[in-house]
Amino acid sequence: MPRYILAMAKKPSKATVEETVGGRIRAMRLANNLTQEDFANELGVSRSAIAQWETDRAGQVRENLERIAKVLKTSVGYLLSGETGSLQSEEQTLMRLYRSCSKEDRRLLTETAKRLARS
């Protein structure tokens, strides 16, 4: 079997991390440039609680969803189901793409969007 086919066969399926509550919390924390420690301090919980929430392990995430959403500047609906409310299709696509970018790429996109908005 050619090497590239073998490599593709071993590659795990790529489900996006943002398909879970924890994945969306992590993505939004990163989008807000917060470390787990910073986020924990804002919420008055331990850093390990944040790590548990972000990996969908046990914890009191549901009891804290409103506070989490407020700190992350998002909605409880988004955290629970990925619901984006009244965003149009193109806006939803842009948000998904933005959230899948690295921290550096997000910074570049934000700078570009600000420049374009001024023109």
C-alpha atoms as a PDB file:
ATOM      1  CA  MET A   1       0.000   0.000   0.000  1.00  0.00           C
ATOM      2  CA  PRO A   2       1.455   3.425  -0.912  1.00  0.00           C
ATOM      3  CA  ARG A   3       2.683   5.462   2.012  1.00  0.00           C
ATOM      4  CA  TYR A   4       0.167   8.328   1.612  1.00  0.00           C
ATOM      5  CA  ILE A   5      -2.777   5.874   1.643  1.00  0.00           C
ATOM      6  CA  LEU A   6      -1.374   4.211   4.743  1.00  0.00           C
ATOM      7  CA  ALA A   7      -1.023   7.602   6.437  1.00  0.00           C
ATOM      8  CA  MET A   8      -4.611   8.497   5.537  1.00  0.00           C
ATOM      9  CA  ALA A   9      -5.880   5.176   6.878  1.00  0.00           C
ATOM     10  CA  LYS A  10      -4.266   5.831  10.270  1.00  0.00           C
ATOM     11  CA  LYS A  11      -5.545   9.396  10.543  1.00  0.00           C
ATOM     12  CA  PRO A  12      -8.330   9.671  13.142  1.00  0.00           C
ATOM     13  CA  SER A  13     -11.649  11.142  12.122  1.00  0.00           C
ATOM     14  CA  LYS A  14     -11.724  14.882  12.581  1.00  0.00           C
ATOM     15  CA  ALA A  15     -14.857  15.829  14.464  1.00  0.00           C
ATOM     16  CA  THR A  16     -14.638  19.433  15.519  1.00  0.00           C
ATOM     17  CA  VAL A  17     -14.016  20.048  19.156  1.00  0.00           C
ATOM     18  CA  GLU A  18     -16.803  22.638  19.091  1.00  0.00           C
ATOM     19  CA  GLU A  19     -19.429  19.893  18.830  1.00  0.00           C
ATOM     20  CA  THR A  20     -19.542  19.618  22.637  1.00  0.00           C
ATOM     21  CA  VAL A  21     -20.345  22.041  25.440  1.00  0.00           C
ATOM     22  CA  GLY A  22     -16.766  21.763  26.668  1.00  0.00           C
ATOM     23  CA  GLY A  23     -15.355  22.357  23.210  1.00  0.00           C
ATOM     24  CA  ARG A  24     -17.462  25.480  22.772  1.00  0.00           C
ATOM     25  CA  ILE A  25     -16.418  26.769  26.216  1.00  0.00           C
ATOM     26  CA  ARG A  26     -12.764  26.239  25.309  1.00  0.00           C
ATOM     27  CA  ALA A  27     -13.139  27.870  21.888  1.00  0.00           C
ATOM     28  CA  MET A  28     -14.863  30.902  23.384  1.00  0.00           C
ATOM     29  CA  ARG A  29     -12.304  31.159  26.206  1.00  0.00           C
ATOM     30  CA  LEU A  30      -9.524  31.202  23.624  1.00  0.00           C
ATOM     31  CA  ALA A  31     -11.431  33.670  21.435  1.00  0.00           C
ATOM     32  CA  ASN A  32     -11.564  35.961  24.472  1.00  0.00           C
ATOM     33  CA  ASN A  33      -7.797  35.534  25.021  1.00  0.00           C
ATOM     34  CA  LEU A  34      -8.280  34.043  28.482  1.00  0.00           C
ATOM     35  CA  THR A  35      -6.052  31.420  30.029  1.00  0.00           C
ATOM     36  CA  GLN A  36      -7.734  28.711  32.065  1.00  0.00           C
ATOM     37  CA  GLU A  37      -6.360  30.443  35.165  1.00  0.00           C
ATOM     38  CA  ASP A  38      -7.758  33.855  34.149  1.00  0.00           C
ATOM     39  CA  PHE A  39     -11.122  32.319  33.310  1.00  0.00           C
ATOM     40  CA  ALA A  40     -11.225  30.429  36.613  1.00  0.00           C
ATOM     41  CA  ASN A  41     -10.462  33.625  38.542  1.00  0.00           C
ATOM     42  CA  GLU A  42     -13.256  35.511  36.730  1.00  0.00           C
ATOM     43  CA  LEU A  43     -15.725  32.768  37.662  1.00  0.00           C
ATOM     44  CA  GLY A  44     -14.431  32.113  41.171  1.00  0.00           C
ATOM     45  CA  VAL A  45     -13.683  28.433  40.477  1.00  0.00           C
ATOM     46  CA  SER A  46     -10.506  26.362  40.269  1.00  0.00           C
ATOM     47  CA  ARG A  47      -8.432  26.008  37.107  1.00  0.00           C
ATOM     48  CA  SER A  48      -9.020  22.259  37.281  1.00  0.00           C
ATOM     49  CA  ALA A  49     -12.787  22.896  37.134  1.00  0.00           C
ATOM     50  CA  ILE A  50     -12.242  24.740  33.845  1.00  0.00           C
ATOM     51  CA  ALA A  51     -10.119  21.875  32.519  1.00  0.00           C
ATOM     52  CA  GLN A  52     -12.849  19.390  33.451  1.00  0.00           C
ATOM     53  CA  TRP A  53     -15.555  21.469  31.776  1.00  0.00           C
ATOM     54  CA  GLU A  54     -13.510  21.899  28.600  1.00  0.00           C
ATOM     55  CA  THR A  55     -12.937  18.155  28.304  1.00  0.00           C
ATOM     56  CA  ASP A  56     -16.582  17.314  29.072  1.00  0.00           C
ATOM     57  CA  ARG A  57     -15.741  15.527  32.292  1.00  0.00           C
ATOM     58  CA  ALA A  58     -17.735  15.701  35.482  1.00  0.00           C
ATOM     59  CA  GLY A  59     -18.202  19.064  37.053  1.00  0.00           C
ATOM     60  CA  GLN A  60     -20.794  21.684  37.771  1.00  0.00           C
ATOM     61  CA  VAL A  61     -20.798  23.246  34.332  1.00  0.00           C
ATOM     62  CA  ARG A  62     -24.603  23.385  34.012  1.00  0.00           C
ATOM     63  CA  GLU A  63     -24.984  25.210  37.317  1.00  0.00           C
ATOM     64  CA  ASN A  64     -22.513  27.830  36.093  1.00  0.00           C
ATOM     65  CA  LEU A  65     -23.607  28.230  32.455  1.00  0.00           C
ATOM     66  CA  GLU A  66     -25.109  31.703  32.852  1.00  0.00           C
ATOM     67  CA  ARG A  67     -21.961  33.032  34.515  1.00  0.00           C
ATOM     68  CA  ILE A  68     -19.762  31.257  31.947  1.00  0.00           C
ATOM     69  CA  ALA A  69     -21.752  32.745  29.061  1.00  0.00           C
ATOM     70  CA  LYS A  70     -21.544  36.233  30.556  1.00  0.00           C
ATOM     71  CA  VAL A  71     -17.754  36.087  31.008  1.00  0.00           C
ATOM     72  CA  LEU A  72     -17.324  34.649  27.497  1.00  0.00           C
ATOM     73  CA  LYS A  73     -19.689  37.234  25.976  1.00  0.00           C
ATOM     74  CA  THR A  74     -21.905  34.575  24.410  1.00  0.00           C
ATOM     75  CA  SER A  75     -25.281  32.952  25.042  1.00  0.00           C
ATOM     76  CA  VAL A  76     -26.186  29.909  27.092  1.00  0.00           C
ATOM     77  CA  GLY A  77     -27.900  28.616  23.929  1.00  0.00           C
ATOM     78  CA  TYR A  78     -24.625  28.724  22.034  1.00  0.00           C
ATOM     79  CA  LEU A  79     -22.749  26.920  24.806  1.00  0.00           C
ATOM     80  CA  LEU A  80     -25.387  24.191  25.080  1.00  0.00           C
ATOM     81  CA  SER A  81     -26.147  23.533  21.435  1.00  0.00           C
ATOM     82  CA  GLY A  82     -24.035  25.728  19.212  1.00  0.00           C
ATOM     83  CA  GLU A  83     -27.141  27.819  18.474  1.00  0.00           C
ATOM     84  CA  THR A  84     -26.126  31.166  17.102  1.00  0.00           C
ATOM     85  CA  GLY A  85     -29.463  32.917  17.411  1.00  0.00           C
ATOM     86  CA  SER A  86     -30.243  35.441  14.765  1.00  0.00           C
ATOM     87  CA  LEU A  87     -27.002  35.262  12.802  1.00  0.00           C
ATOM     88  CA  GLN A  88     -27.467  34.918   9.065  1.00  0.00           C
ATOM     89  CA  SER A  89     -26.024  31.904   7.235  1.00  0.00           C
ATOM     90  CA  GLU A  90     -22.929  33.779   6.017  1.00  0.00           C
ATOM     91  CA  GLU A  91     -22.322  35.155   9.521  1.00  0.00           C
ATOM     92  CA  GLN A  92     -22.580  31.668  11.001  1.00  0.00           C
ATOM     93  CA  THR A  93     -20.076  30.401   8.442  1.00  0.00           C
ATOM     94  CA  LEU A  94     -17.675  33.221   9.307  1.00  0.00           C
ATOM     95  CA  MET A  95     -18.013  32.485  13.035  1.00  0.00           C
ATOM     96  CA  ARG A  96     -17.344  28.765  12.521  1.00  0.00           C
ATOM     97  CA  LEU A  97     -14.302  29.519  10.381  1.00  0.00           C
ATOM     98  CA  TYR A  98     -12.998  32.099  12.865  1.00  0.00           C
ATOM     99  CA  ARG A  99     -13.412  29.696  15.779  1.00  0.00           C
ATOM    100  CA  SER A 100     -11.474  27.000  13.933  1.00  0.00           C
ATOM    101  CA  CYS A 101      -8.436  29.284  13.444  1.00  0.00           C
ATOM    102  CA  SER A 102      -5.323  29.448  15.566  1.00  0.00           C
ATOM    103  CA  LYS A 103      -4.913  32.294  18.050  1.00  0.00           C
ATOM    104  CA  GLU A 104      -2.518  34.104  15.698  1.00  0.00           C
ATOM    105  CA  ASP A 105      -4.854  33.699  12.708  1.00  0.00           C
ATOM    106  CA  ARG A 106      -7.767  35.017  14.801  1.00  0.00           C
ATOM    107  CA  ARG A 107      -5.706  38.089  15.646  1.00  0.00           C
ATOM    108  CA  LEU A 108      -4.923  38.651  11.953  1.00  0.00           C
ATOM    109  CA  LEU A 109      -8.573  38.183  10.982  1.00  0.00           C
ATOM    110  CA  THR A 110      -9.707  40.645  13.636  1.00  0.00           C
ATOM    111  CA  GLU A 111      -7.183  43.247  12.473  1.00  0.00           C
ATOM    112  CA  THR A 112      -8.263  42.735   8.864  1.00  0.00           C
ATOM    113  CA  ALA A 113     -11.961  43.023   9.750  1.00  0.00           C
ATOM    114  CA  LYS A 114     -11.320  46.274  11.656  1.00  0.00           C
ATOM    115  CA  ARG A 115      -9.391  47.689   8.689  1.00  0.00           C
ATOM    116  CA  LEU A 116     -12.134  46.693   6.261  1.00  0.00           C
ATOM    117  CA  ALA A 117     -14.857  48.151   8.483  1.00  0.00           C
ATOM    118  CA  ARG A 118     -13.100  51.537   8.431  1.00  0.00           C
ATOM    119  CA  SER A 119     -12.954  51.638   4.609  1.00  0.00           C
END
